[in-house]
Each structure stands twice: as C-alpha cells, then as structure tokens.
Amino acid sequence: MKAVWLDPETRLLKIREWEDPVLEADGLIVQVKATALNRADLMQKRGLYPPPKGASPILGLEMAGEVVQVGGSVKDWKPGDRVFALLPGGGYAEKVSIPAGMAMPIPDGWSYEQAAAVPEVFLTAYLNLFMLGGLREGSTVLIHAGASGVGSAAIQLVREAGAVSIVTAGSPEKLEACLRLGAHKAINYKEGPFAPQVKEATGGLGVDLILDLIGASYFEQNLDCLAVNGRLVLIGLMGGSHIQNLDLNRLLMRRIQLIGSTLRSRPVTEKIELTRQFNEFASRRFAEGRMQPVIDSVWELEQVNEAHERMERNENIGKIVLRTPW
C-alpha cells in the first residue's frame, strides 16, 4: 500500500510504498478515503510525541473509509460498509487495521470527509467532558481554544447536554464561529486576561469544569475561574508544562480537582468502551443534524505539507481534512 512518511533529509511529508496492515481475527481492514489533522501529528513529526508501543508509526489519528476485509470472529461488519474510527496512528495511509469494536457507521448522507473530521476531536471531548469531567445538565464549562477541532466538538456536546459553555479564542472570526455553535460567551484571550470576564459571566461563582489544551500559561487564571468543587481537565500543553510557585492550598481549600488526560495511549478496551458510549450519545444527534463536524478545509493527500502549514500557523477554524486518492 501507499502511505505518507517523513523524509529525514528535507523534513517534508511524502507518499511512498509501505507494508500492508495485518488483519486480526476481531478486526477490520479499512481502505482510507479521508483522514484529518491533529496537533499530535505536528508534534510526532517533530519527534515530540511518539506513537504508543505496537501502534503504526504513520501519522494520522482518525479516518473514514470502506471495509475491505473482515476478521474471522467479526459478526457486525461486512466488506463495503462505510465506517469511521479513532486510531493510535496510521491514518495517512491507503489502508488501516482496526479492532471491529472501534468502528462506527458513517451517517447516511455524510461524505467521507465529514466523517473523518469526527473521531479524534469528538471522542476526546466526550471522554474529558462526560467520563472524566462529570458534565451534567446545568453545568457551566470553560473551553479553551474554542475554535479548534476539540473546542468546536466540545461546544456542541456541552450544548446537547443542556449545559452552558464559555470559550476563549484568538480572533473575531473564531469567536463568532464559537457563538454560532452554541457557546454562551466568547472571550478574545489576546485582548487581556480572561479570568475576570469568566467570573463576571458566572456572577462571581466561577465555572464547574474547564477543558484546557493550553497548560502552564493558563493555570493561575484557570484556578481563579473555578467554582468550589470545580474540575480542571488538562488535555494539552500548548502553553508549557512547568508552573512556578504553585500554592496547593488554593486547590485544597476550594476542593478543586486537577485531572490530567490523554487518549492515544489508553488501552484498546477503554477506547472500545468510549466509542460505544459516544456512539450511543451521538449517532442520533448526527443523523438529525443537531451535531456536525466543523470542517475548516479539505486538502488532497499530496498537499499534506501545505495542510500542516495551515495548522502550524493556527489559522484553522475546526478540522483540516485530507482526502485520499484511492
């Protein structure tokens, strides 16, 4: 098969021949029709985020495609089925091998490009909002990087849960996109501290939950934004990982929970259960148009370097999708 690899001399991504994936008894081989970019791809390309042990070294954490082979113990899928799924790696390729329990059916009427924009960001948001963050109806949630793939998914999930979201983003266009998705308040972090605006929006009480992709540079303000018994779920470190002069008493006296979370390295059994719970929550909402992927742009696979440059410049609102030629 063909796949994208990193040329060590030019540091550019190129398409080359690669070995075919192996079909497991409880798995599927899927021909990839579309995949999508994530910041983890940019980090892996720079050698900062290696794939989990045993995972494909090929970039790509999600895909949509057509089942071409079915393992001997699989009963629920057949060749020709259209599926999309989360991956530990391997999405920038002609074919992938996945556990059958991680496949989800593509909603009727959806393109492969739409479906490829869902798995990584929606499953990440669902895991951290509901399963770890305890999101429930009436909660108030602060979502950082609201116009990112994860942010745009999180806004919709919060809305569908009957909760209230406040978001941060860095441009008027991104703020407006967040409001259209259902955010109740959008704050431009480039125009000053966000914490005072969050406190004002919550009547001084603070938020119940924060979904944070930024890390150290936001930590002090995040603590200021949290209500008593609030939960800070840390899923990214775009703003650094080291915090100076942290006073743990602030967490103790206000009963704040700090939760660190990654999805890629979780065991397959956990990912299958996450997929099941998410699909149960989302499938009808996707079919009815109540939730949908937010696509920034679609690129051909041979344009992968240009697509990466767009994400590196932080220009995207929602997902950047790669369409494959096979």
Protein backbone atom coordinates (compact mmCIF):
# COMPACT_ATOMS: atom_id res chain seq x y z
CA MET A 1 0.00 0.00 0.00
CA LYS A 2 0.96 3.66 -0.09
CA ALA A 3 1.39 5.91 2.95
CA VAL A 4 2.80 9.28 3.96
CA TRP A 5 6.23 9.30 5.57
CA LEU A 6 8.63 11.98 6.80
CA ASP A 7 11.71 12.44 4.61
CA PRO A 8 14.56 12.77 7.14
CA GLU A 9 16.61 14.98 4.83
CA THR A 10 14.02 17.51 3.68
CA ARG A 11 11.72 17.17 6.75
CA LEU A 12 8.82 17.11 4.30
CA LEU A 13 6.00 14.58 4.19
CA LYS A 14 5.98 12.40 1.07
CA ILE A 15 3.94 9.48 -0.26
CA ARG A 16 5.80 6.17 -0.53
CA GLU A 17 5.25 2.42 -0.56
CA TRP A 18 4.56 0.86 2.84
CA GLU A 19 3.79 -2.63 4.12
CA ASP A 20 0.12 -3.62 4.30
CA PRO A 21 -1.57 -3.76 7.72
CA VAL A 22 -2.30 -7.16 9.28
CA LEU A 23 -5.89 -8.34 9.71
CA GLU A 24 -6.69 -9.53 13.24
CA ALA A 25 -9.40 -12.10 13.98
CA ASP A 26 -11.50 -9.46 15.77
CA GLY A 27 -10.60 -6.65 13.40
CA LEU A 28 -11.24 -4.93 10.11
CA ILE A 29 -9.08 -3.74 7.24
CA VAL A 30 -10.42 -0.41 6.01
CA GLN A 31 -9.46 1.42 2.83
CA VAL A 32 -8.95 5.01 3.95
CA LYS A 33 -10.95 7.55 1.96
CA ALA A 34 -10.22 10.55 4.20
CA THR A 35 -8.25 11.40 7.32
CA ALA A 36 -7.72 14.60 9.30
CA LEU A 37 -5.00 16.60 11.02
CA ASN A 38 -4.44 16.88 14.75
CA ARG A 39 -1.80 18.78 16.70
CA ALA A 40 -0.44 15.42 17.79
CA ASP A 41 0.60 14.93 14.13
CA LEU A 42 2.65 18.12 14.25
CA MET A 43 4.30 17.01 17.50
CA GLN A 44 5.03 13.49 16.22
CA LYS A 45 6.56 14.94 13.06
CA ARG A 46 8.99 16.89 15.28
CA GLY A 47 9.82 13.80 17.34
CA LEU A 48 7.98 15.05 20.42
CA TYR A 49 5.06 12.60 20.54
CA PRO A 50 6.00 9.04 19.58
CA PRO A 51 3.20 6.53 18.89
CA PRO A 52 2.28 4.03 21.62
CA LYS A 53 4.12 0.70 21.64
CA GLY A 54 2.84 -1.50 18.84
CA ALA A 55 0.99 1.30 17.02
CA SER A 56 1.67 2.30 13.43
CA PRO A 57 4.45 4.91 13.08
CA ILE A 58 2.45 6.52 10.25
CA LEU A 59 0.79 9.83 11.17
CA GLY A 60 -2.97 10.10 11.49
CA LEU A 61 -5.25 9.54 14.50
CA GLU A 62 -8.57 9.12 12.70
CA MET A 63 -10.02 8.04 9.40
CA ALA A 64 -13.16 7.32 7.39
CA GLY A 65 -13.30 4.64 4.74
CA GLU A 66 -14.69 1.41 3.36
CA VAL A 67 -14.31 -2.02 4.95
CA VAL A 68 -12.39 -4.32 2.59
CA GLN A 69 -11.62 -7.29 4.88
CA VAL A 70 -13.30 -8.71 7.98
CA GLY A 71 -11.70 -10.84 10.69
CA GLY A 72 -13.00 -14.36 11.28
CA SER A 73 -14.66 -13.57 14.62
CA VAL A 74 -16.37 -10.35 13.46
CA LYS A 75 -20.14 -10.58 13.02
CA ASP A 76 -21.37 -6.97 12.81
CA TRP A 77 -19.46 -5.70 9.75
CA LYS A 78 -19.02 -6.77 6.15
CA PRO A 79 -16.94 -5.63 3.15
CA GLY A 80 -18.37 -2.47 1.63
CA ASP A 81 -19.56 -0.97 4.93
CA ARG A 82 -18.70 2.71 5.40
CA VAL A 83 -17.05 3.32 8.77
CA PHE A 84 -15.09 5.90 10.70
CA ALA A 85 -12.85 5.38 13.70
CA LEU A 86 -10.25 6.65 16.11
CA LEU A 87 -6.71 5.38 15.51
CA PRO A 88 -3.47 5.21 17.55
CA GLY A 89 -1.72 6.02 14.26
CA GLY A 90 -1.78 5.08 10.59
CA GLY A 91 -4.45 7.38 9.17
CA TYR A 92 -2.24 8.91 6.46
CA ALA A 93 -2.23 5.63 4.55
CA GLU A 94 -4.12 3.62 1.97
CA LYS A 95 -5.33 1.03 4.49
CA VAL A 96 -5.58 0.61 8.26
CA SER A 97 -6.27 -2.30 10.60
CA ILE A 98 -8.68 -1.54 13.45
CA PRO A 99 -10.50 -3.51 16.15
CA ALA A 100 -14.07 -4.01 14.97
CA GLY A 101 -15.36 -2.56 18.23
CA MET A 102 -13.84 0.83 17.41
CA ALA A 103 -15.65 1.22 14.07
CA MET A 104 -18.70 3.46 13.86
CA PRO A 105 -21.12 3.57 10.91
CA ILE A 106 -20.94 6.73 8.81
CA PRO A 107 -24.32 8.52 8.98
CA ASP A 108 -26.45 8.36 5.84
CA GLY A 109 -25.76 11.28 3.55
CA TRP A 110 -22.37 12.10 5.04
CA SER A 111 -19.23 12.27 2.94
CA TYR A 112 -16.04 10.53 3.95
CA GLU A 113 -14.54 13.97 4.56
CA GLN A 114 -17.25 14.81 7.09
CA ALA A 115 -16.85 11.51 8.90
CA ALA A 116 -13.05 11.79 9.07
CA ALA A 117 -13.40 15.08 10.96
CA VAL A 118 -15.20 13.44 13.89
CA PRO A 119 -13.36 10.67 15.78
CA GLU A 120 -10.33 12.23 17.46
CA VAL A 121 -11.90 15.52 18.49
CA PHE A 122 -15.38 14.34 19.43
CA LEU A 123 -14.13 11.29 21.34
CA THR A 124 -11.53 13.43 23.12
CA ALA A 125 -14.17 15.98 24.07
CA TYR A 126 -16.68 13.32 25.15
CA LEU A 127 -14.14 11.46 27.29
CA ASN A 128 -12.96 14.55 29.11
CA LEU A 129 -16.27 16.34 29.49
CA PHE A 130 -18.53 13.45 30.47
CA MET A 131 -16.50 10.45 31.63
CA LEU A 132 -13.75 12.37 33.47
CA GLY A 133 -15.20 15.84 33.96
CA GLY A 134 -18.64 14.82 35.22
CA LEU A 135 -20.52 17.12 32.84
CA ARG A 136 -24.25 17.21 33.53
CA GLU A 137 -27.24 19.35 32.73
CA GLY A 138 -26.90 22.86 34.15
CA SER A 139 -23.10 22.73 34.45
CA THR A 140 -21.01 25.72 33.38
CA VAL A 141 -17.91 24.87 31.32
CA LEU A 142 -14.92 26.96 30.21
CA ILE A 143 -13.48 25.66 26.92
CA HIS A 144 -10.10 26.97 25.81
CA ALA A 145 -9.18 27.05 22.10
CA GLY A 146 -12.88 27.04 21.34
CA ALA A 147 -12.43 27.22 17.55
CA SER A 148 -10.08 24.24 17.43
CA GLY A 149 -11.29 20.79 16.44
CA VAL A 150 -11.68 19.68 20.06
CA GLY A 151 -13.14 23.03 21.05
CA SER A 152 -15.77 23.04 18.30
CA ALA A 153 -16.77 19.48 19.25
CA ALA A 154 -16.87 20.33 22.96
CA ILE A 155 -19.17 23.33 22.43
CA GLN A 156 -21.71 21.10 20.69
CA LEU A 157 -21.51 18.36 23.33
CA VAL A 158 -21.98 20.88 26.14
CA ARG A 159 -24.97 22.38 24.33
CA GLU A 160 -26.55 18.96 23.77
CA ALA A 161 -26.06 18.10 27.44
CA GLY A 162 -28.08 21.13 28.49
CA ALA A 163 -25.05 22.88 29.96
CA VAL A 164 -23.52 26.33 29.43
CA SER A 165 -20.19 26.99 27.71
CA ILE A 166 -17.82 29.93 27.87
CA VAL A 167 -14.96 29.83 25.37
CA THR A 168 -11.68 31.55 24.64
CA ALA A 169 -10.32 32.10 21.13
CA GLY A 170 -7.94 34.50 19.39
CA SER A 171 -9.82 36.34 16.63
CA PRO A 172 -13.25 37.87 15.96
CA GLU A 173 -13.89 35.23 13.29
CA LYS A 174 -13.13 32.41 15.73
CA LEU A 175 -15.26 33.98 18.47
CA GLU A 176 -18.21 34.28 16.08
CA ALA A 177 -17.80 30.66 14.97
CA CYS A 178 -17.96 29.54 18.60
CA LEU A 179 -21.12 31.55 19.25
CA ARG A 180 -22.79 30.05 16.18
CA LEU A 181 -22.09 26.57 17.55
CA GLY A 182 -23.86 27.42 20.78
CA ALA A 183 -21.30 28.97 23.12
CA HIS A 184 -22.94 31.39 25.55
CA LYS A 185 -19.95 33.73 25.81
CA ALA A 186 -16.77 34.04 23.74
CA ILE A 187 -13.65 35.81 25.06
CA ASN A 188 -10.70 37.03 22.98
CA TYR A 189 -7.68 35.98 25.04
CA LYS A 190 -5.47 38.38 23.05
CA GLU A 191 -7.31 41.39 24.47
CA GLY A 192 -6.47 40.80 28.11
CA PRO A 193 -6.97 38.34 30.98
CA PHE A 194 -9.94 36.01 30.55
CA ALA A 195 -10.50 35.22 34.23
CA PRO A 196 -12.29 38.49 35.14
CA GLN A 197 -14.71 38.03 32.24
CA VAL A 198 -15.42 34.43 33.24
CA LYS A 199 -16.10 35.46 36.83
CA GLU A 200 -18.40 38.25 35.64
CA ALA A 201 -20.29 35.89 33.32
CA THR A 202 -20.89 33.45 36.17
CA GLY A 203 -21.97 36.05 38.73
CA GLY A 204 -18.72 35.62 40.62
CA LEU A 205 -19.27 31.89 41.20
CA GLY A 206 -16.87 30.53 38.60
CA VAL A 207 -17.27 27.53 36.31
CA ASP A 208 -17.80 23.90 37.29
CA LEU A 209 -15.44 22.48 34.67
CA ILE A 210 -12.56 23.66 32.50
CA LEU A 211 -11.37 21.85 29.36
CA ASP A 212 -7.82 23.09 28.85
CA LEU A 213 -5.46 22.46 25.93
CA ILE A 214 -3.02 25.22 26.99
CA GLY A 215 -1.43 24.21 30.30
CA ALA A 216 1.02 26.22 32.36
CA SER A 217 0.45 29.70 30.95
CA TYR A 218 -3.28 29.49 31.81
CA PHE A 219 -3.01 27.67 35.12
CA GLU A 220 -3.27 30.62 37.51
CA GLN A 221 -6.21 32.13 35.66
CA ASN A 222 -7.87 28.72 35.46
CA LEU A 223 -7.77 28.42 39.24
CA ASP A 224 -9.34 31.87 39.50
CA CYS A 225 -12.13 30.76 37.17
CA LEU A 226 -13.11 27.58 39.01
CA ALA A 227 -16.01 27.34 41.40
CA VAL A 228 -15.80 25.43 44.66
CA ASN A 229 -15.64 21.70 43.79
CA GLY A 230 -14.57 22.67 40.25
CA ARG A 231 -12.67 20.35 37.95
CA LEU A 232 -9.78 21.30 35.68
CA VAL A 233 -9.22 18.70 32.93
CA LEU A 234 -5.84 19.18 31.27
CA ILE A 235 -5.60 17.68 27.77
CA GLY A 236 -2.80 19.72 26.16
CA LEU A 237 0.34 21.72 26.90
CA MET A 238 0.46 24.31 24.13
CA GLY A 239 1.34 26.93 26.76
CA GLY A 240 4.03 24.92 28.55
CA SER A 241 4.24 22.30 31.30
CA HIS A 242 6.09 23.96 34.19
CA ILE A 243 4.35 26.09 36.83
CA GLN A 244 6.34 28.29 39.18
CA ASN A 245 5.37 28.92 42.82
CA LEU A 246 2.18 26.87 42.83
CA ASP A 247 0.22 27.26 46.06
CA LEU A 248 -1.54 23.93 46.58
CA ASN A 249 -3.66 25.49 49.30
CA ARG A 250 -5.79 27.04 46.56
CA LEU A 251 -6.77 23.59 45.38
CA LEU A 252 -7.23 22.23 48.90
CA MET A 253 -9.46 24.92 50.36
CA ARG A 254 -11.78 25.10 47.33
CA ARG A 255 -11.82 21.33 46.78
CA ILE A 256 -10.58 21.66 43.19
CA GLN A 257 -9.82 18.53 41.19
CA LEU A 258 -6.94 18.58 38.68
CA ILE A 259 -7.29 15.80 36.08
CA GLY A 260 -4.61 15.01 33.51
CA SER A 261 -5.79 13.12 30.44
CA THR A 262 -4.51 11.64 27.20
CA LEU A 263 -6.49 9.48 24.79
CA ARG A 264 -3.93 7.98 22.42
CA SER A 265 -2.15 5.80 25.00
CA ARG A 266 -5.29 4.33 26.59
CA PRO A 267 -5.81 0.56 26.27
CA VAL A 268 -7.88 -0.69 23.34
CA THR A 269 -10.57 -1.98 25.73
CA GLU A 270 -11.08 1.53 27.10
CA LYS A 271 -11.20 3.02 23.61
CA ILE A 272 -13.81 0.49 22.54
CA GLU A 273 -15.98 1.36 25.55
CA LEU A 274 -15.50 5.08 24.89
CA THR A 275 -16.52 4.54 21.26
CA ARG A 276 -19.63 2.63 22.34
CA GLN A 277 -20.74 5.30 24.81
CA PHE A 278 -20.04 8.15 22.42
CA ASN A 279 -21.84 6.48 19.51
CA GLU A 280 -24.85 5.88 21.76
CA PHE A 281 -24.92 9.59 22.64
CA ALA A 282 -24.05 11.00 19.22
CA SER A 283 -25.43 8.79 16.43
CA ARG A 284 -29.00 10.09 16.56
CA ARG A 285 -27.81 13.67 17.00
CA PHE A 286 -25.55 13.35 13.95
CA ALA A 287 -28.35 11.78 11.90
CA GLU A 288 -30.74 14.59 12.84
CA GLY A 289 -28.18 17.32 12.13
CA ARG A 290 -28.12 18.50 15.74
CA MET A 291 -24.36 17.91 15.87
CA GLN A 292 -21.93 18.01 12.99
CA PRO A 293 -18.20 18.17 12.35
CA VAL A 294 -16.77 21.62 11.78
CA ILE A 295 -14.52 21.47 8.72
CA ASP A 296 -12.04 24.25 8.09
CA SER A 297 -10.75 22.99 4.75
CA VAL A 298 -10.23 19.85 2.67
CA TRP A 299 -6.89 19.09 1.01
CA GLU A 300 -5.69 16.34 -1.30
CA LEU A 301 -3.23 13.95 0.32
CA GLU A 302 -0.38 15.20 -1.84
CA GLN A 303 -0.99 18.64 -0.30
CA VAL A 304 -0.29 17.31 3.19
CA ASN A 305 2.63 19.70 3.79
CA GLU A 306 0.53 22.76 2.93
CA ALA A 307 -2.25 21.47 5.19
CA HIS A 308 0.22 21.08 8.06
CA GLU A 309 1.48 24.62 7.50
CA ARG A 310 -2.06 25.96 7.87
CA MET A 311 -2.43 24.26 11.25
CA GLU A 312 1.04 25.35 12.33
CA ARG A 313 0.01 28.96 11.63
CA ASN A 314 -3.09 28.40 13.82
CA GLU A 315 -5.36 29.62 11.02
CA ASN A 316 -7.95 26.86 11.09
CA ILE A 317 -11.46 27.03 12.50
CA GLY A 318 -12.39 23.39 13.04
CA LYS A 319 -10.82 20.43 11.31
CA ILE A 320 -8.36 20.26 8.44
CA VAL A 321 -9.20 17.17 6.36
CA LEU A 322 -7.08 15.18 3.91
CA ARG A 323 -8.83 13.41 1.02
CA THR A 324 -7.03 10.28 -0.22
CA PRO A 325 -6.68 9.33 -3.93
CA TRP A 326 -7.57 5.64 -3.59
